[in-house]
Protein backbone atom coordinates (compact mmCIF):
# COMPACT_ATOMS: atom_id res chain seq x y z
CA MET A 1 238.24 194.63 169.64
CA LYS A 2 241.15 192.23 170.17
CA LEU A 3 240.73 188.67 171.42
CA GLY A 4 243.13 187.76 174.21
CA ALA A 5 243.76 185.08 176.79
CA HIS A 6 244.94 185.43 180.38
CA PHE A 7 247.86 183.36 181.65
CA LEU A 8 249.33 182.78 185.08
CA PRO A 9 253.13 183.06 185.28
CA GLU A 10 253.71 179.56 186.65
CA ASP A 11 254.56 176.05 185.45
CA PHE A 12 256.97 177.40 182.83
CA PRO A 13 256.89 174.61 180.18
CA VAL A 14 253.08 174.52 180.21
CA PHE A 15 252.95 178.32 180.10
CA VAL A 16 255.17 178.56 177.00
CA GLU A 17 253.23 175.79 175.24
CA SER A 18 249.94 177.51 176.12
CA VAL A 19 250.99 180.91 174.76
CA GLN A 20 252.24 179.26 171.56
CA ALA A 21 248.94 177.37 171.25
CA ALA A 22 247.00 180.62 171.75
CA GLU A 23 249.00 182.23 168.94
CA ARG A 24 248.36 179.26 166.62
CA ALA A 25 244.64 179.43 167.48
CA GLY A 26 244.49 183.07 166.38
CA TYR A 27 244.48 184.89 169.70
CA GLU A 28 245.85 188.42 169.32
CA ARG A 29 246.79 189.08 172.97
CA ALA A 30 248.44 187.13 175.78
CA TRP A 31 247.81 188.83 179.14
CA LEU A 32 249.88 187.81 182.16
CA VAL A 33 248.64 188.25 185.70
CA ASP A 34 250.89 190.18 188.10
CA GLY A 35 250.84 188.78 191.63
CA GLN A 36 254.27 188.53 193.21
CA MET A 37 253.11 186.54 196.25
CA LEU A 38 251.08 184.01 194.26
CA TRP A 39 252.96 183.41 191.00
CA GLN A 40 256.38 183.84 189.44
CA ASP A 41 257.68 187.12 188.02
CA LEU A 42 255.55 188.79 185.38
CA TYR A 43 258.42 190.29 183.37
CA VAL A 44 260.47 187.10 183.19
CA TYR A 45 257.44 185.29 181.78
CA MET A 46 256.56 188.14 179.40
CA THR A 47 260.13 187.99 178.05
CA HIS A 48 259.91 184.26 177.41
CA ALA A 49 256.42 184.51 175.88
CA LEU A 50 257.66 187.13 173.41
CA ALA A 51 260.75 185.08 172.53
CA ALA A 52 258.73 181.88 172.01
CA THR A 53 256.16 183.44 169.66
CA GLU A 54 256.15 185.51 166.47
CA ARG A 55 253.10 187.75 166.38
CA ILE A 56 250.94 187.57 169.52
CA VAL A 57 251.05 190.76 171.58
CA VAL A 58 252.05 190.16 175.20
CA GLY A 59 251.12 192.37 178.14
CA SER A 60 250.72 192.80 181.85
CA GLY A 61 247.13 191.99 182.63
CA VAL A 62 247.32 193.83 184.92
CA THR A 63 250.07 195.39 187.01
CA ASN A 64 249.55 198.24 189.47
CA PRO A 65 251.35 201.40 190.64
CA LEU A 66 251.66 200.32 194.27
CA THR A 67 253.72 197.12 194.22
CA ARG A 68 255.54 198.16 191.02
CA HIS A 69 256.74 201.75 190.84
CA PRO A 70 255.49 203.35 187.60
CA ALA A 71 259.04 204.24 186.49
CA VAL A 72 260.09 200.58 186.82
CA THR A 73 256.95 199.45 185.00
CA ALA A 74 257.61 201.94 182.19
CA SER A 75 261.23 200.85 181.87
CA ALA A 76 260.37 197.14 181.77
CA HIS A 77 257.67 197.59 179.13
CA ALA A 78 259.77 200.01 177.06
CA THR A 79 262.69 197.56 177.09
CA LEU A 80 260.47 194.69 175.97
CA ALA A 81 258.88 196.91 173.29
CA ASP A 82 262.36 197.81 172.04
CA LEU A 83 263.26 194.13 171.75
CA HIS A 84 259.85 193.14 170.28
CA PRO A 85 258.45 196.20 168.44
CA GLY A 86 254.67 196.34 168.19
CA ARG A 87 254.17 193.31 170.44
CA VAL A 88 253.99 194.73 173.96
CA VAL A 89 251.00 196.17 175.77
CA LEU A 90 250.90 197.59 179.28
CA GLY A 91 247.80 196.75 181.30
CA ILE A 92 247.55 198.61 184.59
CA GLY A 93 244.88 198.79 187.25
CA ARG A 94 244.28 199.67 190.88
CA GLY A 95 245.69 196.39 192.14
CA ASP A 96 244.01 193.29 193.44
CA ASN A 97 245.89 190.12 194.35
CA ALA A 98 249.34 191.79 194.20
CA VAL A 99 248.18 194.48 196.63
CA ARG A 100 245.81 192.53 198.87
CA THR A 101 248.30 189.72 199.55
CA LEU A 102 250.50 192.38 201.17
CA GLY A 103 247.62 193.67 203.29
CA HIS A 104 247.11 196.89 201.30
CA LYS A 105 244.05 198.38 199.65
CA PRO A 106 243.86 199.00 195.89
CA VAL A 107 245.23 202.31 194.61
CA PRO A 108 242.56 205.06 194.52
CA THR A 109 241.12 205.70 191.06
CA ALA A 110 242.40 209.29 191.11
CA GLU A 111 245.97 208.06 191.65
CA LEU A 112 245.60 205.58 188.80
CA ALA A 113 244.33 208.40 186.59
CA GLU A 114 247.52 210.36 187.38
CA THR A 115 249.76 207.35 186.78
CA VAL A 116 248.76 206.51 183.19
CA PRO A 117 249.92 209.81 181.62
CA ARG A 118 253.21 209.57 183.55
CA LEU A 119 253.74 206.03 182.23
CA ARG A 120 253.07 207.20 178.68
CA ALA A 121 255.54 210.05 179.04
CA TRP A 122 258.26 207.86 180.56
CA MET A 123 257.84 205.19 177.91
CA ALA A 124 258.08 207.84 175.18
CA GLY A 125 261.29 209.15 176.76
CA GLU A 126 259.64 212.44 177.71
CA ASP A 127 259.62 214.39 180.94
CA ALA A 128 256.72 213.71 183.29
CA ALA A 129 255.60 215.32 186.54
CA ALA A 130 257.88 214.30 189.42
CA VAL A 131 260.30 212.56 187.09
CA LEU A 132 263.86 212.56 188.39
CA TYR A 133 265.28 210.97 185.28
CA GLN A 134 264.27 210.19 181.75
CA LEU A 135 264.25 206.79 180.08
CA SER A 136 266.86 206.48 177.37
CA ASP A 137 265.77 207.48 173.90
CA VAL A 138 264.87 204.37 171.97
CA SER A 139 264.29 204.91 168.25
CA GLU A 140 260.88 205.44 166.70
CA ILE A 141 259.23 202.22 167.84
CA ASP A 142 255.85 201.38 169.20
CA ARG A 143 256.58 201.43 172.91
CA GLY A 144 253.43 199.49 173.66
CA ALA A 145 249.77 200.21 174.01
CA PHE A 146 247.91 200.90 177.22
CA ALA A 147 244.87 199.31 178.79
CA VAL A 148 243.30 200.00 182.15
CA GLY A 149 241.46 197.35 184.08
CA CYS A 150 241.26 195.23 187.22
CA GLY A 151 238.33 194.62 189.47
CA GLY A 152 235.32 196.66 190.42
CA GLY A 153 233.20 195.34 187.56
CA ALA A 154 232.94 196.30 183.93
CA ARG A 155 231.28 199.67 184.54
CA ALA A 156 234.04 200.73 186.96
CA GLU A 157 236.70 199.63 184.47
CA GLU A 158 234.97 201.58 181.72
CA ARG A 159 234.98 204.70 183.94
CA ARG A 160 238.69 204.30 184.71
CA ALA A 161 239.52 203.87 181.02
CA ARG A 162 237.64 207.06 180.17
CA MET A 163 239.35 208.96 183.02
CA THR A 164 242.83 207.93 181.93
CA GLY A 165 242.35 208.01 178.17
CA ALA A 166 243.60 204.43 177.98
CA GLY A 167 242.02 201.39 176.43
CA LEU A 168 239.65 199.09 178.23
CA LEU A 169 240.77 195.65 179.33
CA LEU A 170 237.77 193.50 180.17
CA HIS A 171 238.04 190.15 181.85
CA GLY A 172 235.42 188.08 183.56
CA GLY A 173 232.45 190.28 182.66
CA GLY A 174 230.06 189.80 179.81
CA PRO A 175 229.50 192.42 177.12
CA THR A 176 226.08 193.28 178.54
CA GLN A 177 227.82 194.81 181.56
CA VAL A 178 229.59 197.43 179.44
CA ASN A 179 228.14 200.38 177.61
CA PRO A 180 227.88 199.18 173.97
CA ALA A 181 228.67 202.71 172.75
CA SER A 182 231.98 202.52 174.59
CA ILE A 183 232.85 199.23 172.91
CA THR A 184 231.99 200.69 169.51
CA ALA A 185 234.03 203.82 170.18
CA SER A 186 236.88 201.67 171.42
CA ALA A 187 236.88 199.44 168.35
CA ASN A 188 236.51 202.35 165.92
CA SER A 189 238.98 204.81 167.46
CA GLY A 190 241.75 202.44 168.44
CA LEU A 191 241.00 203.14 172.11
CA SER A 192 241.52 199.48 172.91
CA GLU A 193 245.10 199.87 171.73
CA ARG A 194 246.02 203.53 171.98
CA LYS A 195 249.72 204.27 171.61
CA PRO A 196 251.48 206.57 174.07
């Protein structure tokens, strides 16, 4: 299990200082919230967080396939992973603040389950269902790990992670809300940071 902290993409100088402080304190992950109507751009802040640190892994915590097309999400994360190998993680969920502030409902779980394999394929430069183009081939690098999360409680997040074969991103819930066997399996099998 990896210890991470969530950050809001706002107040840029404080944000950069906070991510650097998290790295110095031993945090392994810096997750950035994606909410285009409430905060500044996720990818601009991810880029600066990666440039201002040396080892902390930075990721979307979480984005969604409704307000950000999966091909765009894959391209952004693959580009960052190319520039910062082994330090980018893609967290995706059904959508909450980014979706609701536009008056939409979160993406159905079945659609999310279809999106994760497509993201993996695009980020690996492979063909995926309904793909009109392929991301450019970027050498043998770690194109980022995957985690699935966002709302609905820990049990719902655990179910989505199992459905998609992605890791489990927990925030806000205590460990008693999650199946302990799932946590053990996640920690032992690398599920919490599975590569595409």
